[in-house]
PDB file of N, CA and C in Angstrom:
ATOM      1  N   MET A   1     153.395 116.776 120.572  1.00  0.00           N
ATOM      2  CA  MET A   1     152.802 115.842 120.879  1.00  0.00           C
ATOM      3  C   MET A   1     151.142 115.695 120.358  1.00  0.00           C
ATOM      4  N   ASN A   2     151.262 114.453 119.343  1.00  0.00           N
ATOM      5  CA  ASN A   2     149.842 114.442 119.107  1.00  0.00           C
ATOM      6  C   ASN A   2     149.016 113.494 119.782  1.00  0.00           C
ATOM      7  N   ARG A   3     147.989 114.062 120.135  1.00  0.00           N
ATOM      8  CA  ARG A   3     147.040 113.555 121.205  1.00  0.00           C
ATOM      9  C   ARG A   3     145.998 113.705 120.647  1.00  0.00           C
ATOM     10  N   GLU A   4     145.171 112.463 120.470  1.00  0.00           N
ATOM     11  CA  GLU A   4     143.833 112.551 119.868  1.00  0.00           C
ATOM     12  C   GLU A   4     142.903 113.076 121.146  1.00  0.00           C
ATOM     13  N   PRO A   5     141.724 113.918 120.592  1.00  0.00           N
ATOM     14  CA  PRO A   5     140.857 114.408 121.659  1.00  0.00           C
ATOM     15  C   PRO A   5     139.842 113.398 122.401  1.00  0.00           C
ATOM     16  N   ASN A   6     139.593 113.549 123.306  1.00  0.00           N
ATOM     17  CA  ASN A   6     138.746 112.615 124.207  1.00  0.00           C
ATOM     18  C   ASN A   6     137.415 112.820 123.166  1.00  0.00           C
ATOM     19  N   PRO A   7     136.441 111.790 122.963  1.00  0.00           N
ATOM     20  CA  PRO A   7     135.125 112.178 122.754  1.00  0.00           C
ATOM     21  C   PRO A   7     134.363 112.498 123.770  1.00  0.00           C
ATOM     22  N   PRO A   8     133.523 113.130 123.230  1.00  0.00           N
ATOM     23  CA  PRO A   8     132.313 113.963 124.190  1.00  0.00           C
ATOM     24  C   PRO A   8     131.750 113.074 125.197  1.00  0.00           C
ATOM     25  N   ARG A   9     131.737 113.096 126.543  1.00  0.00           N
ATOM     26  CA  ARG A   9     130.991 112.175 127.357  1.00  0.00           C
ATOM     27  C   ARG A   9     129.390 111.993 127.299  1.00  0.00           C
ATOM     28  N   LEU A  10     128.924 113.156 126.676  1.00  0.00           N
ATOM     29  CA  LEU A  10     127.517 113.268 126.675  1.00  0.00           C
ATOM     30  C   LEU A  10     126.854 112.748 125.151  1.00  0.00           C
ATOM     31  N   ALA A  11     127.543 112.347 124.248  1.00  0.00           N
ATOM     32  CA  ALA A  11     127.204 111.965 123.200  1.00  0.00           C
ATOM     33  C   ALA A  11     126.223 110.765 123.177  1.00  0.00           C
ATOM     34  N   LEU A  12     126.614 109.806 123.899  1.00  0.00           N
ATOM     35  CA  LEU A  12     126.197 108.615 123.972  1.00  0.00           C
ATOM     36  C   LEU A  12     124.686 108.535 124.808  1.00  0.00           C
ATOM     37  N   PRO A  13     124.737 109.372 125.942  1.00  0.00           N
ATOM     38  CA  PRO A  13     123.113 109.477 126.599  1.00  0.00           C
ATOM     39  C   PRO A  13     122.505 110.762 125.983  1.00  0.00           C
ATOM     40  N   ALA A  14     123.182 111.471 124.941  1.00  0.00           N
ATOM     41  CA  ALA A  14     122.222 112.197 124.247  1.00  0.00           C
ATOM     42  C   ALA A  14     121.531 111.582 123.114  1.00  0.00           C
ATOM     43  N   GLY A  15     122.285 111.032 122.610  1.00  0.00           N
ATOM     44  CA  GLY A  15     121.803 109.907 121.344  1.00  0.00           C
ATOM     45  C   GLY A  15     120.519 109.093 121.880  1.00  0.00           C
ATOM     46  N   CYS A  16     121.002 108.513 123.159  1.00  0.00           N
ATOM     47  CA  CYS A  16     119.555 107.446 123.513  1.00  0.00           C
ATOM     48  C   CYS A  16     118.561 108.309 124.309  1.00  0.00           C
ATOM     49  N   PHE A  17     118.727 109.512 124.194  1.00  0.00           N
ATOM     50  CA  PHE A  17     117.364 110.521 125.011  1.00  0.00           C
ATOM     51  C   PHE A  17     116.582 110.975 123.814  1.00  0.00           C
ATOM     52  N   LEU A  18     117.646 111.168 122.638  1.00  0.00           N
ATOM     53  CA  LEU A  18     116.982 111.656 121.429  1.00  0.00           C
ATOM     54  C   LEU A  18     116.086 110.535 120.800  1.00  0.00           C
ATOM     55  N   THR A  19     116.442 109.380 120.915  1.00  0.00           N
ATOM     56  CA  THR A  19     116.031 108.128 120.211  1.00  0.00           C
ATOM     57  C   THR A  19     114.951 107.804 120.946  1.00  0.00           C
ATOM     58  N   LEU A  20     114.934 107.867 122.161  1.00  0.00           N
ATOM     59  CA  LEU A  20     113.857 107.489 123.226  1.00  0.00           C
ATOM     60  C   LEU A  20     112.549 108.515 123.196  1.00  0.00           C
ATOM     61  N   LEU A  21     113.071 109.707 122.866  1.00  0.00           N
ATOM     62  CA  LEU A  21     112.167 111.124 122.384  1.00  0.00           C
ATOM     63  C   LEU A  21     111.315 110.514 121.300  1.00  0.00           C
ATOM     64  N   TRP A  22     112.129 110.340 120.237  1.00  0.00           N
ATOM     65  CA  TRP A  22     111.412 110.399 118.723  1.00  0.00           C
ATOM     66  C   TRP A  22     110.468 109.066 118.848  1.00  0.00           C
ATOM     67  N   ALA A  23     111.231 107.777 119.808  1.00  0.00           N
ATOM     68  CA  ALA A  23     110.085 106.860 119.649  1.00  0.00           C
ATOM     69  C   ALA A  23     108.921 107.377 120.541  1.00  0.00           C
ATOM     70  N   ALA A  24     108.871 108.164 121.486  1.00  0.00           N
ATOM     71  CA  ALA A  24     107.778 108.456 122.154  1.00  0.00           C
ATOM     72  C   ALA A  24     107.011 109.434 121.446  1.00  0.00           C
ATOM     73  N   VAL A  25     107.651 110.058 120.493  1.00  0.00           N
ATOM     74  CA  VAL A  25     106.664 111.107 119.558  1.00  0.00           C
ATOM     75  C   VAL A  25     105.917 110.096 118.634  1.00  0.00           C
ATOM     76  N   THR A  26     106.441 109.049 117.890  1.00  0.00           N
ATOM     77  CA  THR A  26     105.797 108.158 117.257  1.00  0.00           C
ATOM     78  C   THR A  26     104.828 107.572 117.667  1.00  0.00           C
ATOM     79  N   CYS A  27     105.030 107.126 118.959  1.00  0.00           N
ATOM     80  CA  CYS A  27     103.799 106.481 119.621  1.00  0.00           C
ATOM     81  C   CYS A  27     102.872 107.342 119.872  1.00  0.00           C
ATOM     82  N   LEU A  28     103.106 108.307 120.305  1.00  0.00           N
ATOM     83  CA  LEU A  28     101.638 109.427 120.420  1.00  0.00           C
ATOM     84  C   LEU A  28     101.064 109.688 119.036  1.00  0.00           C
ATOM     85  N   MET A  29     102.005 109.950 117.831  1.00  0.00           N
ATOM     86  CA  MET A  29     101.577 110.124 116.728  1.00  0.00           C
ATOM     87  C   MET A  29     100.624 108.872 116.215  1.00  0.00           C
ATOM     88  N   LEU A  30     100.840 107.612 116.631  1.00  0.00           N
ATOM     89  CA  LEU A  30     100.360 106.425 116.134  1.00  0.00           C
ATOM     90  C   LEU A  30      98.803 106.288 117.018  1.00  0.00           C
ATOM     91  N   LEU A  31      99.164 106.701 118.403  1.00  0.00           N
ATOM     92  CA  LEU A  31      97.762 106.852 119.095  1.00  0.00           C
ATOM     93  C   LEU A  31      96.751 107.733 118.711  1.00  0.00           C
ATOM     94  N   ILE A  32      97.245 109.036 118.339  1.00  0.00           N
ATOM     95  CA  ILE A  32      96.219 110.009 117.735  1.00  0.00           C
ATOM     96  C   ILE A  32      95.595 109.506 116.306  1.00  0.00           C
ATOM     97  N   ASN A  33      96.789 109.022 115.485  1.00  0.00           N
ATOM     98  CA  ASN A  33      96.247 108.592 114.018  1.00  0.00           C
ATOM     99  C   ASN A  33      95.388 107.496 114.286  1.00  0.00           C
ATOM    100  N   GLY A  34      95.464 106.338 115.248  1.00  0.00           N
ATOM    101  CA  GLY A  34      94.540 105.209 115.386  1.00  0.00           C
ATOM    102  C   GLY A  34      93.291 105.705 115.837  1.00  0.00           C
ATOM    103  N   SER A  35      93.170 106.730 116.603  1.00  0.00           N
ATOM    104  CA  SER A  35      91.949 107.169 117.226  1.00  0.00           C
ATOM    105  C   SER A  35      91.160 108.020 116.134  1.00  0.00           C
ATOM    106  N   LEU A  36      91.989 108.858 115.485  1.00  0.00           N
ATOM    107  CA  LEU A  36      91.141 109.397 114.362  1.00  0.00           C
ATOM    108  C   LEU A  36      90.805 108.032 113.053  1.00  0.00           C
ATOM    109  N   VAL A  37      91.409 107.193 112.622  1.00  0.00           N
ATOM    110  CA  VAL A  37      90.718 106.229 112.129  1.00  0.00           C
ATOM    111  C   VAL A  37      89.798 105.411 112.483  1.00  0.00           C
ATOM    112  N   MET A  38      89.758 105.064 113.750  1.00  0.00           N
ATOM    113  CA  MET A  38      88.770 104.409 114.582  1.00  0.00           C
ATOM    114  C   MET A  38      87.397 105.117 114.411  1.00  0.00           C
ATOM    115  N   ALA A  39      87.627 106.848 114.617  1.00  0.00           N
ATOM    116  CA  ALA A  39      86.459 107.285 114.719  1.00  0.00           C
ATOM    117  C   ALA A  39      85.742 107.458 112.904  1.00  0.00           C
ATOM    118  N   VAL A  40      86.670 107.532 112.224  1.00  0.00           N
ATOM    119  CA  VAL A  40      86.287 107.596 110.651  1.00  0.00           C
ATOM    120  C   VAL A  40      85.560 106.115 110.292  1.00  0.00           C
ATOM    121  N   LEU A  41      86.257 105.266 110.825  1.00  0.00           N
ATOM    122  CA  LEU A  41      85.731 103.682 110.503  1.00  0.00           C
ATOM    123  C   LEU A  41      84.295 103.668 111.291  1.00  0.00           C
ATOM    124  N   ASP A  42      84.239 104.058 112.703  1.00  0.00           N
ATOM    125  CA  ASP A  42      82.817 104.156 113.205  1.00  0.00           C
ATOM    126  C   ASP A  42      81.859 104.844 112.471  1.00  0.00           C
ATOM    127  N   SER A  43      82.010 105.977 111.828  1.00  0.00           N
ATOM    128  CA  SER A  43      80.960 106.815 111.270  1.00  0.00           C
ATOM    129  C   SER A  43      80.847 106.238 109.821  1.00  0.00           C
ATOM    130  N   ILE A  44      81.400 105.077 109.509  1.00  0.00           N
ATOM    131  CA  ILE A  44      80.627 104.717 108.086  1.00  0.00           C
ATOM    132  C   ILE A  44      79.182 104.364 108.220  1.00  0.00           C
ATOM    133  N   PRO A  45      78.289 104.791 107.459  1.00  0.00           N
ATOM    134  CA  PRO A  45      77.138 104.610 107.286  1.00  0.00           C
ATOM    135  C   PRO A  45      76.756 103.030 106.802  1.00  0.00           C
ATOM    136  N   ASN A  46      75.533 102.946 107.063  1.00  0.00           N
ATOM    137  CA  ASN A  46      75.067 101.263 106.704  1.00  0.00           C
ATOM    138  C   ASN A  46      75.019 101.441 105.054  1.00  0.00           C
ATOM    139  N   ARG A  47      74.949 102.890 104.502  1.00  0.00           N
ATOM    140  CA  ARG A  47      74.984 102.765 103.118  1.00  0.00           C
ATOM    141  C   ARG A  47      76.126 102.507 102.610  1.00  0.00           C
ATOM    142  N   ALA A  48      77.175 102.260 103.257  1.00  0.00           N
ATOM    143  CA  ALA A  48      78.724 101.993 102.577  1.00  0.00           C
ATOM    144  C   ALA A  48      78.584 100.741 101.828  1.00  0.00           C
ATOM    145  N   PRO A  49      79.539 100.514 101.037  1.00  0.00           N
ATOM    146  CA  PRO A  49      79.316  99.131 100.076  1.00  0.00           C
ATOM    147  C   PRO A  49      79.762  97.806 101.050  1.00  0.00           C
ATOM    148  N   SER A  50      79.399  96.770 100.785  1.00  0.00           N
ATOM    149  CA  SER A  50      79.473  95.641 101.696  1.00  0.00           C
ATOM    150  C   SER A  50      80.850  95.446 102.089  1.00  0.00           C
ATOM    151  N   TRP A  51      82.012  95.577 101.114  1.00  0.00           N
ATOM    152  CA  TRP A  51      82.944  95.083 101.495  1.00  0.00           C
ATOM    153  C   TRP A  51      83.931  96.090 102.458  1.00  0.00           C
ATOM    154  N   ALA A  52      83.223  97.424 102.562  1.00  0.00           N
ATOM    155  CA  ALA A  52      83.821  98.465 103.404  1.00  0.00           C
ATOM    156  C   ALA A  52      83.401  97.831 104.897  1.00  0.00           C
ATOM    157  N   ARG A  53      82.140  97.397 104.970  1.00  0.00           N
ATOM    158  CA  ARG A  53      81.727  97.153 106.407  1.00  0.00           C
ATOM    159  C   ARG A  53      82.543  95.623 106.727  1.00  0.00           C
ATOM    160  N   LYS A  54      83.019  94.932 106.159  1.00  0.00           N
ATOM    161  CA  LYS A  54      83.593  93.644 106.554  1.00  0.00           C
ATOM    162  C   LYS A  54      84.486  93.743 107.736  1.00  0.00           C
ATOM    163  N   PRO A  55      84.541  92.833 108.642  1.00  0.00           N
ATOM    164  CA  PRO A  55      85.690  93.037 109.664  1.00  0.00           C
ATOM    165  C   PRO A  55      86.984  93.003 109.172  1.00  0.00           C
ATOM    166  N   GLU A  56      87.267  92.039 108.212  1.00  0.00           N
ATOM    167  CA  GLU A  56      88.716  92.264 107.761  1.00  0.00           C
ATOM    168  C   GLU A  56      89.167  93.232 107.127  1.00  0.00           C
ATOM    169  N   PHE A  57      88.176  94.025 106.266  1.00  0.00           N
ATOM    170  CA  PHE A  57      88.530  95.516 105.924  1.00  0.00           C
ATOM    171  C   PHE A  57      88.732  96.307 107.003  1.00  0.00           C
ATOM    172  N   VAL A  58      87.915  96.463 107.865  1.00  0.00           N
ATOM    173  CA  VAL A  58      88.056  97.442 109.006  1.00  0.00           C
ATOM    174  C   VAL A  58      89.253  97.194 109.781  1.00  0.00           C
ATOM    175  N   GLN A  59      89.689  95.998 110.083  1.00  0.00           N
ATOM    176  CA  GLN A  59      90.913  95.562 110.587  1.00  0.00           C
ATOM    177  C   GLN A  59      91.954  95.989 109.926  1.00  0.00           C
ATOM    178  N   PHE A  60      92.468  95.701 108.903  1.00  0.00           N
ATOM    179  CA  PHE A  60      93.135  96.165 107.723  1.00  0.00           C
ATOM    180  C   PHE A  60      93.603  97.727 107.880  1.00  0.00           C
ATOM    181  N   MET A  61      92.475  98.385 107.639  1.00  0.00           N
ATOM    182  CA  MET A  61      92.600  99.841 107.948  1.00  0.00           C
ATOM    183  C   MET A  61      92.826 100.325 109.190  1.00  0.00           C
ATOM    184  N   LEU A  62      92.317  99.659 109.884  1.00  0.00           N
ATOM    185  CA  LEU A  62      92.680 100.223 111.375  1.00  0.00           C
ATOM    186  C   LEU A  62      94.163 100.044 111.959  1.00  0.00           C
ATOM    187  N   TYR A  63      94.981  99.151 111.276  1.00  0.00           N
ATOM    188  CA  TYR A  63      96.416  98.774 111.406  1.00  0.00           C
ATOM    189  C   TYR A  63      97.121  99.499 110.359  1.00  0.00           C
ATOM    190  N   PHE A  64      96.787  99.374 109.005  1.00  0.00           N
ATOM    191  CA  PHE A  64      97.297 100.025 107.765  1.00  0.00           C
ATOM    192  C   PHE A  64      97.567 101.547 107.925  1.00  0.00           C
ATOM    193  N   VAL A  65      96.276 102.102 107.957  1.00  0.00           N
ATOM    194  CA  VAL A  65      96.111 103.852 107.734  1.00  0.00           C
ATOM    195  C   VAL A  65      97.168 104.592 108.652  1.00  0.00           C
ATOM    196  N   PRO A  66      97.082 104.074 110.231  1.00  0.00           N
ATOM    197  CA  PRO A  66      97.751 104.910 111.078  1.00  0.00           C
ATOM    198  C   PRO A  66      99.337 104.944 110.855  1.00  0.00           C
ATOM    199  N   VAL A  67      99.687 103.970 110.346  1.00  0.00           N
ATOM    200  CA  VAL A  67     101.295 103.623 110.262  1.00  0.00           C
ATOM    201  C   VAL A  67     101.738 104.372 108.935  1.00  0.00           C
ATOM    202  N   LEU A  68     100.635 104.316 107.966  1.00  0.00           N
ATOM    203  CA  LEU A  68     100.752 105.073 107.032  1.00  0.00           C
ATOM    204  C   LEU A  68     101.173 106.736 106.985  1.00  0.00           C
ATOM    205  N   LEU A  69     100.046 106.887 107.751  1.00  0.00           N
ATOM    206  CA  LEU A  69      99.920 108.500 108.349  1.00  0.00           C
ATOM    207  C   LEU A  69     101.005 108.783 109.031  1.00  0.00           C
ATOM    208  N   VAL A  70     101.845 107.994 110.264  1.00  0.00           N
ATOM    209  CA  VAL A  70     102.943 108.232 110.734  1.00  0.00           C
ATOM    210  C   VAL A  70     104.230 108.483 109.678  1.00  0.00           C
ATOM    211  N   VAL A  71     104.233 107.564 108.672  1.00  0.00           N
ATOM    212  CA  VAL A  71     105.161 107.517 107.881  1.00  0.00           C
ATOM    213  C   VAL A  71     105.160 109.260 107.010  1.00  0.00           C
ATOM    214  N   VAL A  72     103.928 109.469 106.511  1.00  0.00           N
ATOM    215  CA  VAL A  72     103.779 110.640 105.747  1.00  0.00           C
ATOM    216  C   VAL A  72     104.035 111.834 106.551  1.00  0.00           C
ATOM    217  N   GLN A  73     103.775 111.626 107.928  1.00  0.00           N
ATOM    218  CA  GLN A  73     103.934 112.912 109.075  1.00  0.00           C
ATOM    219  C   GLN A  73     105.344 113.094 109.215  1.00  0.00           C
ATOM    220  N   TRP A  74     106.274 111.661 109.307  1.00  0.00           N
ATOM    221  CA  TRP A  74     107.566 112.279 109.411  1.00  0.00           C
ATOM    222  C   TRP A  74     108.275 112.748 108.207  1.00  0.00           C
ATOM    223  N   ILE A  75     108.066 112.144 106.893  1.00  0.00           N
ATOM    224  CA  ILE A  75     108.374 112.736 105.776  1.00  0.00           C
ATOM    225  C   ILE A  75     108.245 114.321 105.701  1.00  0.00           C
ATOM    226  N   LEU A  76     106.971 114.582 106.218  1.00  0.00           N
ATOM    227  CA  LEU A  76     106.702 116.191 106.442  1.00  0.00           C
ATOM    228  C   LEU A  76     107.233 117.044 107.313  1.00  0.00           C
ATOM    229  N   ILE A  77     107.603 116.071 108.328  1.00  0.00           N
ATOM    230  CA  ILE A  77     108.164 116.934 109.467  1.00  0.00           C
ATOM    231  C   ILE A  77     109.846 117.188 108.846  1.00  0.00           C
ATOM    232  N   ASP A  78     110.165 116.017 108.526  1.00  0.00           N
ATOM    233  CA  ASP A  78     111.612 116.092 107.959  1.00  0.00           C
ATOM    234  C   ASP A  78     111.879 117.172 106.534  1.00  0.00           C
ATOM    235  N   TYR A  79     110.823 117.128 106.045  1.00  0.00           N
ATOM    236  CA  TYR A  79     110.867 118.331 104.822  1.00  0.00           C
ATOM    237  C   TYR A  79     110.634 119.772 105.461  1.00  0.00           C
ATOM    238  N   VAL A  80     109.988 119.919 106.457  1.00  0.00           N
ATOM    239  CA  VAL A  80     109.902 121.078 107.070  1.00  0.00           C
ATOM    240  C   VAL A  80     111.087 121.595 107.894  1.00  0.00           C
ATOM    241  N   TRP A  81     111.459 120.729 108.658  1.00  0.00           N
ATOM    242  CA  TRP A  81     112.670 120.973 109.584  1.00  0.00           C
ATOM    243  C   TRP A  81     113.904 121.201 108.554  1.00  0.00           C
ATOM    244  N   GLY A  82     113.949 120.696 107.476  1.00  0.00           N
ATOM    245  CA  GLY A  82     115.142 121.210 106.456  1.00  0.00           C
ATOM    246  C   GLY A  82     114.888 122.283 105.702  1.00  0.00           C
ATOM    247  N   ARG A  83     113.576 122.811 105.515  1.00  0.00           N
ATOM    248  CA  ARG A  83     113.425 123.990 104.895  1.00  0.00           C
ATOM    249  C   ARG A  83     113.714 125.094 105.943  1.00  0.00           C
ATOM    250  N   PHE A  84     113.699 124.820 107.125  1.00  0.00           N
ATOM    251  CA  PHE A  84     113.756 126.282 107.857  1.00  0.00           C
ATOM    252  C   PHE A  84     115.006 126.042 108.809  1.00  0.00           C
ATOM    253  N   ARG A  85     115.755 124.887 108.830  1.00  0.00           N
ATOM    254  CA  ARG A  85     117.142 124.869 109.250  1.00  0.00           C
ATOM    255  C   ARG A  85     118.072 125.508 108.491  1.00  0.00           C
ATOM    256  N   GLN A  86     118.987 126.347 109.163  1.00  0.00           N
ATOM    257  CA  GLN A  86     120.182 126.771 108.356  1.00  0.00           C
ATOM    258  C   GLN A  86     121.179 125.788 107.829  1.00  0.00           C
ATOM    259  N   ARG A  87     121.343 125.638 106.723  1.00  0.00           N
ATOM    260  CA  ARG A  87     122.402 124.597 106.162  1.00  0.00           C
ATOM    261  C   ARG A  87     123.530 125.305 106.108  1.00  0.00           C
ATOM    262  N   THR A  88     124.677 124.179 106.961  1.00  0.00           N
ATOM    263  CA  THR A  88     125.993 124.728 106.603  1.00  0.00           C
ATOM    264  C   THR A  88     126.690 123.428 105.884  1.00  0.00           C
ATOM    265  N   PHE A  89     127.727 123.660 105.070  1.00  0.00           N
ATOM    266  CA  PHE A  89     128.402 122.784 104.520  1.00  0.00           C
ATOM    267  C   PHE A  89     129.737 123.000 105.024  1.00  0.00           C
ATOM    268  N   HIS A  90     130.449 121.754 105.210  1.00  0.00           N
ATOM    269  CA  HIS A  90     131.761 121.599 105.670  1.00  0.00           C
ATOM    270  C   HIS A  90     132.569 121.027 104.714  1.00  0.00           C
ATOM    271  N   GLU A  91     133.593 121.702 104.016  1.00  0.00           N
ATOM    272  CA  GLU A  91     134.542 121.219 103.256  1.00  0.00           C
ATOM    273  C   GLU A  91     135.946 120.858 103.595  1.00  0.00           C
TER     274      GLU A  91
END
């Protein structure tokens, strides 16, 4: 009797939990990165070039740099995770 094994019942909840966990980690990283970028932008002295003090530039940097930092952070996390994880090959 060839019977297919039942799929594990915890696969869907575990996948949803991991997705929510990574979304929460990403939101936390965005919050921290946004705070750091805002602190740096607020510390720009009056001697900075006029283009660096324009509200349009500050707003662009406040939205773009934290997202760019999150992408770089996830690339680094993936790289470190791959370096320290034991690799198994199934053939």
